[in-house]
Amino acid sequence: MYRFSRSMYRELAPRVIDGTPGGPSPRQELLEACEQTIRRLAVDRRYFARPARSLFNQIRVHFPISEQLYVYKVVERNVSLCIEFLDKLPPDVCLDGVPRQCRASTRKGTPCQRDPLPRMDYCPSHKHLEEPATEEFQPIAA
């Protein structure tokens, strides 16, 4: 998954505004934000509504106004490529090739060993823990 975050970083890093001496490095913050977003997309995509917009809002302070549109397009393109890649993965295998496992814990506190239901994070015993996918808010036309 690093290829998506590093690709974004390599394309955006030359356009970053230099930070103040002694403060945090804007390039380092850009890299961390890109990696964090891609990691969250891979692990918890169902609960990450607008990843491109979220990342753009996080990093936009490091770029001049004249570069904002370019930055957004780079972020949007790379995030959509990442989502497309994740959609092509087999549904019963995680990114590291290990079979998926139920996200619940047993009463003893150990991870549940059962296989989750297709397109769900939990097994049949724990399916009551699954949160329904919510629809996006649609304003009512007056």
Protein backbone atom coordinates (compact mmCIF):
# COMPACT_ATOMS: atom_id res chain seq x y z
CA MET A 1 0.00 0.00 0.00
CA TYR A 2 3.02 2.25 0.36
CA ARG A 3 3.19 2.65 -3.39
CA PHE A 4 0.04 4.81 -3.34
CA SER A 5 1.10 7.02 -0.43
CA ARG A 6 4.69 7.35 -1.67
CA SER A 7 3.52 8.16 -5.18
CA MET A 8 1.37 10.96 -3.80
CA TYR A 9 4.22 12.21 -1.65
CA ARG A 10 6.76 12.20 -4.52
CA GLU A 11 4.38 14.17 -6.71
CA LEU A 12 3.45 16.74 -4.05
CA ALA A 13 6.70 17.20 -2.08
CA PRO A 14 8.39 19.62 -4.52
CA ARG A 15 5.44 22.01 -4.21
CA VAL A 16 5.40 22.20 -0.40
CA ILE A 17 6.00 25.59 1.22
CA ASP A 18 9.05 25.49 3.50
CA GLY A 19 8.19 25.56 7.20
CA THR A 20 9.63 27.67 10.00
CA PRO A 21 13.02 26.66 11.37
CA GLY A 22 12.74 24.56 14.51
CA GLY A 23 9.13 23.62 13.76
CA PRO A 24 7.79 20.39 12.37
CA SER A 25 8.81 19.63 8.81
CA PRO A 26 5.93 20.18 6.34
CA ARG A 27 7.29 17.41 4.11
CA GLN A 28 7.30 14.97 7.03
CA GLU A 29 3.72 15.94 7.92
CA LEU A 30 2.70 15.44 4.29
CA LEU A 31 4.27 11.97 4.20
CA GLU A 32 2.65 10.94 7.49
CA ALA A 33 -0.78 12.21 6.41
CA CYS A 34 -0.57 10.33 3.09
CA GLU A 35 0.50 7.09 4.76
CA GLN A 36 -2.11 7.39 7.49
CA THR A 37 -4.91 7.92 4.97
CA ILE A 38 -3.88 4.99 2.76
CA ARG A 39 -3.44 2.75 5.81
CA ARG A 40 -6.92 3.66 7.05
CA LEU A 41 -8.35 3.01 3.59
CA ALA A 42 -6.84 -0.47 3.64
CA VAL A 43 -7.91 -1.36 7.16
CA ASP A 44 -11.14 0.50 7.85
CA ARG A 45 -12.54 1.60 4.49
CA ARG A 46 -16.19 1.10 5.35
CA TYR A 47 -16.07 3.85 7.99
CA PHE A 48 -13.97 6.30 5.96
CA ALA A 49 -16.56 8.33 4.06
CA ARG A 50 -14.49 10.79 2.00
CA PRO A 51 -10.82 9.86 2.16
CA ALA A 52 -9.64 12.23 -0.59
CA ARG A 53 -11.35 15.24 0.93
CA SER A 54 -10.15 14.32 4.40
CA LEU A 55 -6.52 14.05 3.26
CA PHE A 56 -6.71 17.24 1.22
CA ASN A 57 -8.07 19.20 4.21
CA GLN A 58 -5.25 17.83 6.33
CA ILE A 59 -2.40 18.76 3.95
CA ARG A 60 -3.64 21.85 2.14
CA VAL A 61 -2.02 24.23 4.64
CA HIS A 62 1.41 23.18 3.31
CA PHE A 63 0.77 24.46 -0.23
CA PRO A 64 0.29 27.90 -1.77
CA ILE A 65 -3.20 28.87 -2.91
CA SER A 66 -2.14 28.66 -6.55
CA GLU A 67 -1.33 24.93 -6.12
CA GLN A 68 -4.51 23.88 -4.26
CA LEU A 69 -6.39 22.56 -7.30
CA TYR A 70 -3.37 20.58 -8.46
CA VAL A 71 -2.94 19.08 -4.96
CA TYR A 72 -6.59 18.06 -4.79
CA LYS A 73 -6.44 16.38 -8.21
CA VAL A 74 -3.32 14.42 -7.24
CA VAL A 75 -4.92 13.30 -3.98
CA GLU A 76 -8.20 12.39 -5.69
CA ARG A 77 -6.45 10.38 -8.41
CA ASN A 78 -4.23 8.41 -6.04
CA VAL A 79 -7.01 7.67 -3.56
CA SER A 80 -9.29 6.46 -6.35
CA LEU A 81 -6.48 4.22 -7.69
CA CYS A 82 -6.02 2.79 -4.21
CA ILE A 83 -9.76 2.12 -3.84
CA GLU A 84 -9.81 0.47 -7.26
CA PHE A 85 -6.88 -1.76 -6.24
CA LEU A 86 -8.62 -2.72 -2.99
CA ASP A 87 -11.84 -3.56 -4.84
CA LYS A 88 -9.96 -6.04 -7.03
CA LEU A 89 -8.64 -8.04 -4.06
CA PRO A 90 -10.37 -11.35 -3.27
CA PRO A 91 -13.04 -10.84 -0.58
CA ASP A 92 -11.75 -13.62 1.70
CA VAL A 93 -8.11 -12.47 1.91
CA CYS A 94 -6.51 -9.50 3.68
CA LEU A 95 -3.79 -7.33 2.15
CA ASP A 96 -0.99 -9.46 3.53
CA GLY A 97 -2.46 -12.67 2.04
CA VAL A 98 -3.75 -13.99 5.36
CA PRO A 99 -7.37 -15.19 5.36
CA ARG A 100 -9.81 -12.77 6.95
CA GLN A 101 -10.81 -13.30 10.56
CA CYS A 102 -13.78 -12.17 12.65
CA ARG A 103 -13.09 -8.80 14.34
CA ALA A 104 -14.85 -9.76 17.59
CA SER A 105 -13.32 -11.02 20.81
CA THR A 106 -14.50 -14.00 22.85
CA ARG A 107 -15.60 -13.77 26.49
CA LYS A 108 -12.07 -14.68 27.52
CA GLY A 109 -10.72 -11.74 25.52
CA THR A 110 -9.05 -13.77 22.80
CA PRO A 111 -9.78 -13.03 19.12
CA CYS A 112 -12.59 -15.02 17.53
CA GLN A 113 -11.19 -17.71 15.24
CA ARG A 114 -14.17 -18.09 12.91
CA ASP A 115 -14.33 -16.86 9.33
CA PRO A 116 -16.44 -13.74 8.79
CA LEU A 117 -19.49 -13.75 6.56
CA PRO A 118 -18.97 -12.53 2.98
CA ARG A 119 -18.77 -8.71 2.79
CA MET A 120 -18.96 -8.46 6.59
CA ASP A 121 -16.40 -8.05 9.36
CA TYR A 122 -17.96 -10.56 11.74
CA CYS A 123 -18.76 -14.29 11.81
CA PRO A 124 -22.32 -15.68 12.18
CA SER A 125 -21.97 -15.75 15.98
CA HIS A 126 -21.02 -12.06 16.14
CA LYS A 127 -23.00 -10.67 13.21
CA HIS A 128 -25.14 -8.67 15.65
CA LEU A 129 -22.07 -6.45 16.20
CA GLU A 130 -21.99 -5.41 12.54
CA GLU A 131 -23.06 -1.81 12.03
CA PRO A 132 -25.30 -1.25 9.04
CA ALA A 133 -23.82 0.82 6.23
CA THR A 134 -25.39 4.25 6.42
CA GLU A 135 -26.51 6.12 3.37
CA GLU A 136 -25.06 9.55 2.71
CA PHE A 137 -27.16 12.48 3.83
CA GLN A 138 -29.34 13.73 1.02
CA PRO A 139 -30.95 17.13 1.62
CA ILE A 140 -34.66 17.37 0.89
CA ALA A 141 -35.48 19.76 -1.93
CA ALA A 142 -37.92 22.44 -0.89
